[in-house]
Every structure is written in structure tokens, then in C-alpha cells.
Amino acid sequence: TENAPVYLAAVLEYLAAEVLELSGNVVRDNKKNNIIPRYVLLAVRNDEELGKLLVGVTIALGGVLPNINLVLLPKKTEKAAGKEPKSPSKAIKSPNKG
């Protein structure tokens, strides 16, 4: 119809405003002055709805979200947490040659 281009322009304007607003919040949180691709990526990936919309999109120079898989972290046990590490002099005893 005749109104489709107007409607499409309004949707694109809304999406652009949303991305810029969230990116501006990330910039403010990082105490910076400029919006860079990294902040756009952080804003998009941390927003549930925009994240779903742009799930397959790669933002150039955006990097990735900071994330460490829990499997890669060292395992903490209750016994190990309570003990202090042994000093090298107590842990390794050299045999006496005497």
C-alpha cells in the first residue's frame, strides 16, 4: 500500500533510537564520551529483545561478550578452601646427605 514506506521508516527509526539509547547508557556507565562499536555490541547483546532480533548479526570491531565457561574455572572444594597452601620449604624436603 501507499503507507508501507512510511510505516517501515517509523519502525527503522524506532529501532535506531532504541539501539542508540542503550549504547549511550553503556557509554555513560563506562564514563566515556563516544559511542564505539564495542558499546553497541554490549548494548544489543545485553538487551533481551534486541539480542533475539540481532542474534545472527556480527558487529564489526564489537568483540564478544565477556564470558568464561564454568567448566574452565578451577574447582573449589571445601577442604581446599579451608587449608592454606604449604610453603615450599615444608612441601619439598631434600634428603639429608650426612
C-alpha atoms as a PDB file:
ATOM      1  CA  THR A   1       0.000   0.000   0.000  1.00  0.00           C
ATOM      2  CA  GLU A   2       0.927   3.672  -0.021  1.00  0.00           C
ATOM      3  CA  ASN A   3       1.641   3.798   3.704  1.00  0.00           C
ATOM      4  CA  ALA A   4       4.080   0.871   3.818  1.00  0.00           C
ATOM      5  CA  PRO A   5       7.218   3.008   3.258  1.00  0.00           C
ATOM      6  CA  VAL A   6       6.141   5.416   5.992  1.00  0.00           C
ATOM      7  CA  TYR A   7       5.473   2.553   8.397  1.00  0.00           C
ATOM      8  CA  LEU A   8       8.812   0.934   7.565  1.00  0.00           C
ATOM      9  CA  ALA A   9      10.615   4.241   8.124  1.00  0.00           C
ATOM     10  CA  ALA A  10       8.937   4.596  11.526  1.00  0.00           C
ATOM     11  CA  VAL A  11       9.979   1.072  12.554  1.00  0.00           C
ATOM     12  CA  LEU A  12      13.579   1.662  11.461  1.00  0.00           C
ATOM     13  CA  GLU A  13      13.651   4.998  13.291  1.00  0.00           C
ATOM     14  CA  TYR A  14      12.391   3.307  16.465  1.00  0.00           C
ATOM     15  CA  LEU A  15      14.998   0.535  16.240  1.00  0.00           C
ATOM     16  CA  ALA A  16      17.801   3.030  15.625  1.00  0.00           C
ATOM     17  CA  ALA A  17      16.665   5.174  18.561  1.00  0.00           C
ATOM     18  CA  GLU A  18      16.499   2.113  20.833  1.00  0.00           C
ATOM     19  CA  VAL A  19      19.991   0.934  19.887  1.00  0.00           C
ATOM     20  CA  LEU A  20      21.435   4.434  20.291  1.00  0.00           C
ATOM     21  CA  GLU A  21      19.747   4.928  23.661  1.00  0.00           C
ATOM     22  CA  LEU A  22      21.064   1.642  25.034  1.00  0.00           C
ATOM     23  CA  SER A  23      24.511   2.313  23.568  1.00  0.00           C
ATOM     24  CA  GLY A  24      24.510   5.749  25.187  1.00  0.00           C
ATOM     25  CA  ASN A  25      23.724   4.128  28.533  1.00  0.00           C
ATOM     26  CA  VAL A  26      26.699   1.779  28.119  1.00  0.00           C
ATOM     27  CA  VAL A  27      28.927   4.752  27.244  1.00  0.00           C
ATOM     28  CA  ARG A  28      27.766   6.610  30.341  1.00  0.00           C
ATOM     29  CA  ASP A  29      28.304   3.524  32.528  1.00  0.00           C
ATOM     30  CA  ASN A  30      31.884   3.265  31.235  1.00  0.00           C
ATOM     31  CA  LYS A  31      32.468   7.004  31.819  1.00  0.00           C
ATOM     32  CA  LYS A  32      33.328   7.661  28.162  1.00  0.00           C
ATOM     33  CA  ASN A  33      32.090  10.211  25.635  1.00  0.00           C
ATOM     34  CA  ASN A  34      31.901   8.383  22.298  1.00  0.00           C
ATOM     35  CA  ILE A  35      29.783   5.502  21.067  1.00  0.00           C
ATOM     36  CA  ILE A  36      32.068   2.865  19.571  1.00  0.00           C
ATOM     37  CA  PRO A  37      31.091  -0.498  18.057  1.00  0.00           C
ATOM     38  CA  ARG A  38      32.045  -2.278  21.291  1.00  0.00           C
ATOM     39  CA  TYR A  39      29.399  -0.343  23.225  1.00  0.00           C
ATOM     40  CA  VAL A  40      26.788  -1.001  20.544  1.00  0.00           C
ATOM     41  CA  LEU A  41      27.513  -4.724  20.801  1.00  0.00           C
ATOM     42  CA  LEU A  42      27.312  -4.696  24.603  1.00  0.00           C
ATOM     43  CA  ALA A  43      24.025  -2.800  24.460  1.00  0.00           C
ATOM     44  CA  VAL A  44      22.464  -5.140  21.891  1.00  0.00           C
ATOM     45  CA  ARG A  45      23.639  -8.388  23.495  1.00  0.00           C
ATOM     46  CA  ASN A  46      22.542  -7.347  26.994  1.00  0.00           C
ATOM     47  CA  ASP A  47      19.023  -6.440  25.821  1.00  0.00           C
ATOM     48  CA  GLU A  48      16.748  -9.475  25.600  1.00  0.00           C
ATOM     49  CA  GLU A  49      14.583  -8.320  22.689  1.00  0.00           C
ATOM     50  CA  LEU A  50      17.332  -6.745  20.579  1.00  0.00           C
ATOM     51  CA  GLY A  51      19.506  -9.773  21.280  1.00  0.00           C
ATOM     52  CA  LYS A  52      16.829 -12.041  19.801  1.00  0.00           C
ATOM     53  CA  LEU A  53      16.340  -9.760  16.799  1.00  0.00           C
ATOM     54  CA  LEU A  54      20.051  -9.462  16.033  1.00  0.00           C
ATOM     55  CA  VAL A  55      21.154 -12.963  17.074  1.00  0.00           C
ATOM     56  CA  GLY A  56      22.876 -13.694  13.761  1.00  0.00           C
ATOM     57  CA  VAL A  57      24.373 -10.231  13.285  1.00  0.00           C
ATOM     58  CA  THR A  58      28.104  -9.599  13.578  1.00  0.00           C
ATOM     59  CA  ILE A  59      29.007  -6.062  14.630  1.00  0.00           C
ATOM     60  CA  ALA A  60      32.390  -5.141  13.146  1.00  0.00           C
ATOM     61  CA  LEU A  61      35.005  -4.362  15.832  1.00  0.00           C
ATOM     62  CA  GLY A  62      32.441  -5.210  18.506  1.00  0.00           C
ATOM     63  CA  GLY A  63      34.243  -8.161  20.038  1.00  0.00           C
ATOM     64  CA  VAL A  64      32.331 -10.661  22.158  1.00  0.00           C
ATOM     65  CA  LEU A  65      30.569 -10.619  25.498  1.00  0.00           C
ATOM     66  CA  PRO A  66      32.915 -11.367  28.372  1.00  0.00           C
ATOM     67  CA  ASN A  67      32.187 -14.925  29.451  1.00  0.00           C
ATOM     68  CA  ILE A  68      34.155 -17.795  30.973  1.00  0.00           C
ATOM     69  CA  ASN A  69      32.622 -21.253  30.820  1.00  0.00           C
ATOM     70  CA  LEU A  70      32.283 -22.675  34.337  1.00  0.00           C
ATOM     71  CA  VAL A  71      33.928 -25.913  33.206  1.00  0.00           C
ATOM     72  CA  LEU A  72      37.153 -23.988  32.600  1.00  0.00           C
ATOM     73  CA  LEU A  73      37.311 -22.472  36.084  1.00  0.00           C
ATOM     74  CA  PRO A  74      39.323 -24.261  38.789  1.00  0.00           C
ATOM     75  CA  LYS A  75      37.250 -26.485  41.029  1.00  0.00           C
ATOM     76  CA  LYS A  76      36.880 -25.312  44.612  1.00  0.00           C
ATOM     77  CA  THR A  77      36.335 -27.875  47.336  1.00  0.00           C
ATOM     78  CA  GLU A  78      35.506 -27.214  50.960  1.00  0.00           C
ATOM     79  CA  LYS A  79      38.676 -28.964  52.129  1.00  0.00           C
ATOM     80  CA  ALA A  80      40.913 -26.980  49.798  1.00  0.00           C
ATOM     81  CA  ALA A  81      39.256 -23.703  50.728  1.00  0.00           C
ATOM     82  CA  GLY A  82      39.986 -24.218  54.442  1.00  0.00           C
ATOM     83  CA  LYS A  83      43.634 -25.214  54.077  1.00  0.00           C
ATOM     84  CA  GLU A  84      46.408 -22.755  53.483  1.00  0.00           C
ATOM     85  CA  PRO A  85      48.961 -23.634  50.840  1.00  0.00           C
ATOM     86  CA  LYS A  86      52.144 -25.168  52.184  1.00  0.00           C
ATOM     87  CA  SER A  87      55.290 -23.135  51.991  1.00  0.00           C
ATOM     88  CA  PRO A  88      57.920 -24.502  49.597  1.00  0.00           C
ATOM     89  CA  SER A  89      60.314 -25.334  52.442  1.00  0.00           C
ATOM     90  CA  LYS A  90      57.728 -27.597  54.117  1.00  0.00           C
ATOM     91  CA  ALA A  91      56.341 -29.110  50.938  1.00  0.00           C
ATOM     92  CA  ILE A  92      59.659 -30.225  49.440  1.00  0.00           C
ATOM     93  CA  LYS A  93      62.156 -31.817  51.805  1.00  0.00           C
ATOM     94  CA  SER A  94      65.572 -32.571  50.449  1.00  0.00           C
ATOM     95  CA  PRO A  95      67.194 -35.786  51.643  1.00  0.00           C
ATOM     96  CA  ASN A  96      69.964 -35.316  54.187  1.00  0.00           C
ATOM     97  CA  LYS A  97      73.330 -36.453  52.945  1.00  0.00           C
ATOM     98  CA  GLY A  98      75.168 -36.669  56.121  1.00  0.00           C
END
